[in-house]
Amino acid sequence: MLNIKILGPGCAKCYAVERAAAAALEALLRENPDLEATLVHIEDILEIEQYPVLFTPALVVNEKVICAGRVPKKEEVIKWYREALNHTN
């Protein structure tokens, strides 16, 4: 199970992280159609403040901040998703 969150107020970089996260998830779902995952974009500043991030956008996977303050490449995100899945198994 992957619980994916994009933290950011809605700027262009936030949406770029959301696109990279969604594309990476689609790639994993092609490999493993039974994979359970959720992906949400949190724009509420009060909710964002619940996470240890100084800069947005941020990517959170299974409640762990994976990346903050930059837009990762899809390939990086796929690697992080796989690592998160390996830790839950």
N, C-alpha and C. Protein backbone atom coordinates (compact mmCIF):
# COMPACT_ATOMS: atom_id res chain seq x y z
N MET A 1 0.84 -1.19 0.00
CA MET A 1 0.00 0.00 0.00
C MET A 1 0.88 1.24 0.00
N LEU A 2 0.54 2.16 -0.87
CA LEU A 2 1.23 3.45 -0.90
C LEU A 2 0.24 4.55 -0.59
N ASN A 3 0.59 5.38 0.37
CA ASN A 3 -0.19 6.55 0.72
C ASN A 3 0.66 7.75 0.34
N ILE A 4 0.31 8.41 -0.75
CA ILE A 4 1.14 9.46 -1.33
C ILE A 4 0.46 10.81 -1.14
N LYS A 5 1.26 11.78 -0.67
CA LYS A 5 0.74 13.13 -0.49
C LYS A 5 1.70 14.13 -1.11
N ILE A 6 1.14 15.10 -1.80
CA ILE A 6 1.90 16.22 -2.29
C ILE A 6 1.51 17.39 -1.40
N LEU A 7 2.49 18.03 -0.80
CA LEU A 7 2.23 19.18 0.06
C LEU A 7 2.64 20.45 -0.66
N GLY A 8 1.70 21.37 -0.80
CA GLY A 8 2.03 22.64 -1.45
C GLY A 8 0.79 23.46 -1.69
N PRO A 9 0.94 24.78 -1.66
CA PRO A 9 -0.21 25.67 -1.74
C PRO A 9 -0.86 25.77 -3.12
N GLY A 10 -0.27 25.18 -4.13
CA GLY A 10 -0.89 25.22 -5.45
C GLY A 10 -0.09 25.98 -6.49
N CYS A 11 1.21 26.09 -6.28
CA CYS A 11 2.08 26.77 -7.24
C CYS A 11 2.42 25.83 -8.41
N ALA A 12 3.09 26.37 -9.40
CA ALA A 12 3.46 25.57 -10.57
C ALA A 12 4.34 24.38 -10.19
N LYS A 13 5.28 24.58 -9.26
CA LYS A 13 6.15 23.49 -8.84
C LYS A 13 5.36 22.40 -8.11
N CYS A 14 4.37 22.81 -7.34
CA CYS A 14 3.53 21.84 -6.63
C CYS A 14 2.83 20.92 -7.63
N TYR A 15 2.29 21.53 -8.69
CA TYR A 15 1.61 20.72 -9.69
C TYR A 15 2.59 19.87 -10.48
N ALA A 16 3.82 20.34 -10.66
CA ALA A 16 4.84 19.54 -11.33
C ALA A 16 5.17 18.30 -10.50
N VAL A 17 5.26 18.45 -9.18
CA VAL A 17 5.49 17.30 -8.30
C VAL A 17 4.30 16.35 -8.38
N GLU A 18 3.11 16.89 -8.41
CA GLU A 18 1.92 16.04 -8.52
C GLU A 18 1.94 15.25 -9.82
N ARG A 19 2.31 15.88 -10.92
CA ARG A 19 2.39 15.16 -12.20
C ARG A 19 3.45 14.06 -12.15
N ALA A 20 4.62 14.35 -11.57
CA ALA A 20 5.68 13.35 -11.47
C ALA A 20 5.23 12.19 -10.58
N ALA A 21 4.57 12.50 -9.47
CA ALA A 21 4.09 11.47 -8.55
C ALA A 21 3.05 10.59 -9.22
N ALA A 22 2.14 11.21 -9.96
CA ALA A 22 1.09 10.45 -10.65
C ALA A 22 1.67 9.59 -11.76
N ALA A 23 2.62 10.13 -12.52
CA ALA A 23 3.25 9.37 -13.61
C ALA A 23 4.02 8.17 -13.05
N ALA A 24 4.71 8.37 -11.95
CA ALA A 24 5.45 7.27 -11.31
C ALA A 24 4.48 6.21 -10.81
N LEU A 25 3.37 6.63 -10.24
CA LEU A 25 2.38 5.68 -9.76
C LEU A 25 1.77 4.89 -10.92
N GLU A 26 1.48 5.56 -12.01
CA GLU A 26 0.95 4.87 -13.20
C GLU A 26 1.93 3.82 -13.69
N ALA A 27 3.22 4.13 -13.69
CA ALA A 27 4.24 3.18 -14.13
C ALA A 27 4.25 1.95 -13.23
N LEU A 28 4.16 2.16 -11.92
CA LEU A 28 4.14 1.02 -11.00
C LEU A 28 2.86 0.21 -11.13
N LEU A 29 1.75 0.89 -11.39
CA LEU A 29 0.48 0.17 -11.54
C LEU A 29 0.47 -0.69 -12.81
N ARG A 30 1.20 -0.27 -13.83
CA ARG A 30 1.31 -1.12 -15.04
C ARG A 30 2.06 -2.40 -14.71
N GLU A 31 3.06 -2.31 -13.83
CA GLU A 31 3.83 -3.49 -13.41
C GLU A 31 3.04 -4.35 -12.43
N ASN A 32 2.28 -3.70 -11.57
CA ASN A 32 1.57 -4.40 -10.50
C ASN A 32 0.15 -3.83 -10.39
N PRO A 33 -0.79 -4.33 -11.22
CA PRO A 33 -2.14 -3.78 -11.24
C PRO A 33 -2.90 -3.93 -9.91
N ASP A 34 -2.45 -4.83 -9.06
CA ASP A 34 -3.13 -5.05 -7.77
C ASP A 34 -2.64 -4.11 -6.67
N LEU A 35 -1.68 -3.27 -6.99
CA LEU A 35 -1.13 -2.35 -6.00
C LEU A 35 -2.21 -1.39 -5.52
N GLU A 36 -2.32 -1.26 -4.22
CA GLU A 36 -3.26 -0.30 -3.64
C GLU A 36 -2.50 0.99 -3.34
N ALA A 37 -3.08 2.11 -3.78
CA ALA A 37 -2.41 3.40 -3.56
C ALA A 37 -3.43 4.53 -3.54
N THR A 38 -3.08 5.55 -2.77
CA THR A 38 -3.85 6.79 -2.78
C THR A 38 -2.88 7.93 -3.06
N LEU A 39 -3.37 8.95 -3.75
CA LEU A 39 -2.56 10.11 -4.05
C LEU A 39 -3.43 11.35 -3.84
N VAL A 40 -3.01 12.21 -2.93
CA VAL A 40 -3.74 13.45 -2.67
C VAL A 40 -2.80 14.63 -2.65
N HIS A 41 -3.33 15.78 -3.04
CA HIS A 41 -2.57 17.02 -3.00
C HIS A 41 -3.15 17.85 -1.86
N ILE A 42 -2.34 18.12 -0.86
CA ILE A 42 -2.78 18.89 0.31
C ILE A 42 -2.31 20.34 0.12
N GLU A 43 -3.28 21.24 0.04
CA GLU A 43 -2.97 22.66 -0.15
C GLU A 43 -3.20 23.48 1.10
N ASP A 44 -3.86 22.92 2.09
CA ASP A 44 -4.17 23.63 3.34
C ASP A 44 -2.89 23.82 4.16
N ILE A 45 -2.53 25.07 4.39
CA ILE A 45 -1.29 25.39 5.11
C ILE A 45 -1.27 24.75 6.50
N LEU A 46 -2.40 24.73 7.19
CA LEU A 46 -2.44 24.13 8.53
C LEU A 46 -2.13 22.64 8.49
N GLU A 47 -2.61 21.96 7.45
CA GLU A 47 -2.29 20.54 7.30
C GLU A 47 -0.82 20.34 6.94
N ILE A 48 -0.32 21.20 6.07
CA ILE A 48 1.08 21.11 5.65
C ILE A 48 2.01 21.29 6.84
N GLU A 49 1.64 22.18 7.75
CA GLU A 49 2.46 22.45 8.93
C GLU A 49 2.58 21.24 9.86
N GLN A 50 1.77 20.22 9.66
CA GLN A 50 1.85 19.01 10.48
C GLN A 50 3.05 18.14 10.10
N TYR A 51 3.69 18.48 8.98
CA TYR A 51 4.84 17.71 8.49
C TYR A 51 6.13 18.51 8.67
N PRO A 52 7.26 17.83 8.87
CA PRO A 52 8.53 18.53 9.09
C PRO A 52 9.16 19.01 7.78
N VAL A 53 8.50 19.97 7.12
CA VAL A 53 9.04 20.51 5.88
C VAL A 53 9.24 22.02 6.02
N LEU A 54 10.36 22.50 5.54
CA LEU A 54 10.62 23.94 5.54
C LEU A 54 10.25 24.57 4.21
N PHE A 55 10.28 23.76 3.16
CA PHE A 55 10.00 24.26 1.82
C PHE A 55 9.00 23.36 1.13
N THR A 56 8.12 23.97 0.35
CA THR A 56 7.23 23.21 -0.51
C THR A 56 7.69 23.46 -1.94
N PRO A 57 7.34 22.59 -2.83
CA PRO A 57 6.50 21.42 -2.65
C PRO A 57 7.25 20.30 -1.92
N ALA A 58 6.46 19.41 -1.36
CA ALA A 58 7.04 18.25 -0.69
C ALA A 58 6.26 17.01 -1.10
N LEU A 59 6.98 15.90 -1.10
CA LEU A 59 6.37 14.61 -1.41
C LEU A 59 6.47 13.73 -0.17
N VAL A 60 5.34 13.20 0.25
CA VAL A 60 5.26 12.36 1.44
C VAL A 60 4.76 10.98 0.99
N VAL A 61 5.47 9.94 1.38
CA VAL A 61 5.06 8.57 1.04
C VAL A 61 4.95 7.78 2.34
N ASN A 62 3.78 7.25 2.59
CA ASN A 62 3.50 6.50 3.82
C ASN A 62 3.93 7.30 5.06
N GLU A 63 3.55 8.57 5.06
CA GLU A 63 3.77 9.51 6.16
C GLU A 63 5.24 9.87 6.40
N LYS A 64 6.11 9.57 5.44
CA LYS A 64 7.52 9.94 5.54
C LYS A 64 7.82 10.97 4.45
N VAL A 65 8.39 12.10 4.84
CA VAL A 65 8.77 13.12 3.85
C VAL A 65 9.95 12.58 3.04
N ILE A 66 9.74 12.48 1.75
CA ILE A 66 10.74 11.89 0.86
C ILE A 66 11.55 12.98 0.15
N CYS A 67 10.89 14.07 -0.19
CA CYS A 67 11.53 15.13 -0.97
C CYS A 67 10.83 16.44 -0.65
N ALA A 68 11.60 17.52 -0.53
CA ALA A 68 11.01 18.83 -0.27
C ALA A 68 11.82 19.92 -0.93
N GLY A 69 11.12 20.93 -1.42
CA GLY A 69 11.78 22.10 -1.98
C GLY A 69 12.24 21.99 -3.41
N ARG A 70 11.91 20.88 -4.07
CA ARG A 70 12.31 20.72 -5.47
C ARG A 70 11.35 19.77 -6.17
N VAL A 71 11.47 19.72 -7.49
CA VAL A 71 10.64 18.83 -8.29
C VAL A 71 11.49 17.62 -8.69
N PRO A 72 11.16 16.44 -8.16
CA PRO A 72 11.94 15.24 -8.51
C PRO A 72 11.56 14.71 -9.89
N LYS A 73 12.45 13.94 -10.46
CA LYS A 73 12.16 13.27 -11.73
C LYS A 73 11.30 12.04 -11.46
N LYS A 74 10.54 11.66 -12.45
CA LYS A 74 9.66 10.50 -12.33
C LYS A 74 10.44 9.26 -11.91
N GLU A 75 11.64 9.07 -12.46
CA GLU A 75 12.44 7.89 -12.15
C GLU A 75 12.83 7.86 -10.67
N GLU A 76 13.13 9.03 -10.11
CA GLU A 76 13.44 9.11 -8.68
C GLU A 76 12.23 8.68 -7.85
N VAL A 77 11.07 9.19 -8.25
CA VAL A 77 9.85 8.90 -7.51
C VAL A 77 9.53 7.40 -7.56
N ILE A 78 9.71 6.79 -8.72
CA ILE A 78 9.48 5.35 -8.83
C ILE A 78 10.39 4.60 -7.85
N LYS A 79 11.65 5.00 -7.79
CA LYS A 79 12.60 4.37 -6.87
C LYS A 79 12.12 4.51 -5.43
N TRP A 80 11.67 5.71 -5.06
CA TRP A 80 11.18 5.94 -3.70
C TRP A 80 9.93 5.12 -3.40
N TYR A 81 9.04 5.00 -4.37
CA TYR A 81 7.84 4.18 -4.17
C TYR A 81 8.24 2.72 -3.93
N ARG A 82 9.17 2.23 -4.73
CA ARG A 82 9.62 0.83 -4.57
C ARG A 82 10.25 0.62 -3.19
N GLU A 83 11.06 1.57 -2.76
CA GLU A 83 11.67 1.47 -1.42
C GLU A 83 10.59 1.45 -0.34
N ALA A 84 9.58 2.28 -0.49
CA ALA A 84 8.50 2.31 0.50
C ALA A 84 7.74 0.99 0.50
N LEU A 85 7.53 0.42 -0.65
CA LEU A 85 6.84 -0.88 -0.73
C LEU A 85 7.68 -1.98 -0.09
N ASN A 86 8.99 -1.93 -0.28
CA ASN A 86 9.87 -2.93 0.31
C ASN A 86 9.88 -2.84 1.84
N HIS A 87 9.71 -1.64 2.37
CA HIS A 87 9.69 -1.47 3.83
C HIS A 87 8.37 -1.91 4.45
N THR A 88 7.31 -1.99 3.66
CA THR A 88 6.01 -2.40 4.20
C THR A 88 5.82 -3.90 4.08
N ASN A 89 6.66 -4.56 3.31
CA ASN A 89 6.49 -6.02 3.11
C ASN A 89 7.27 -6.81 4.14
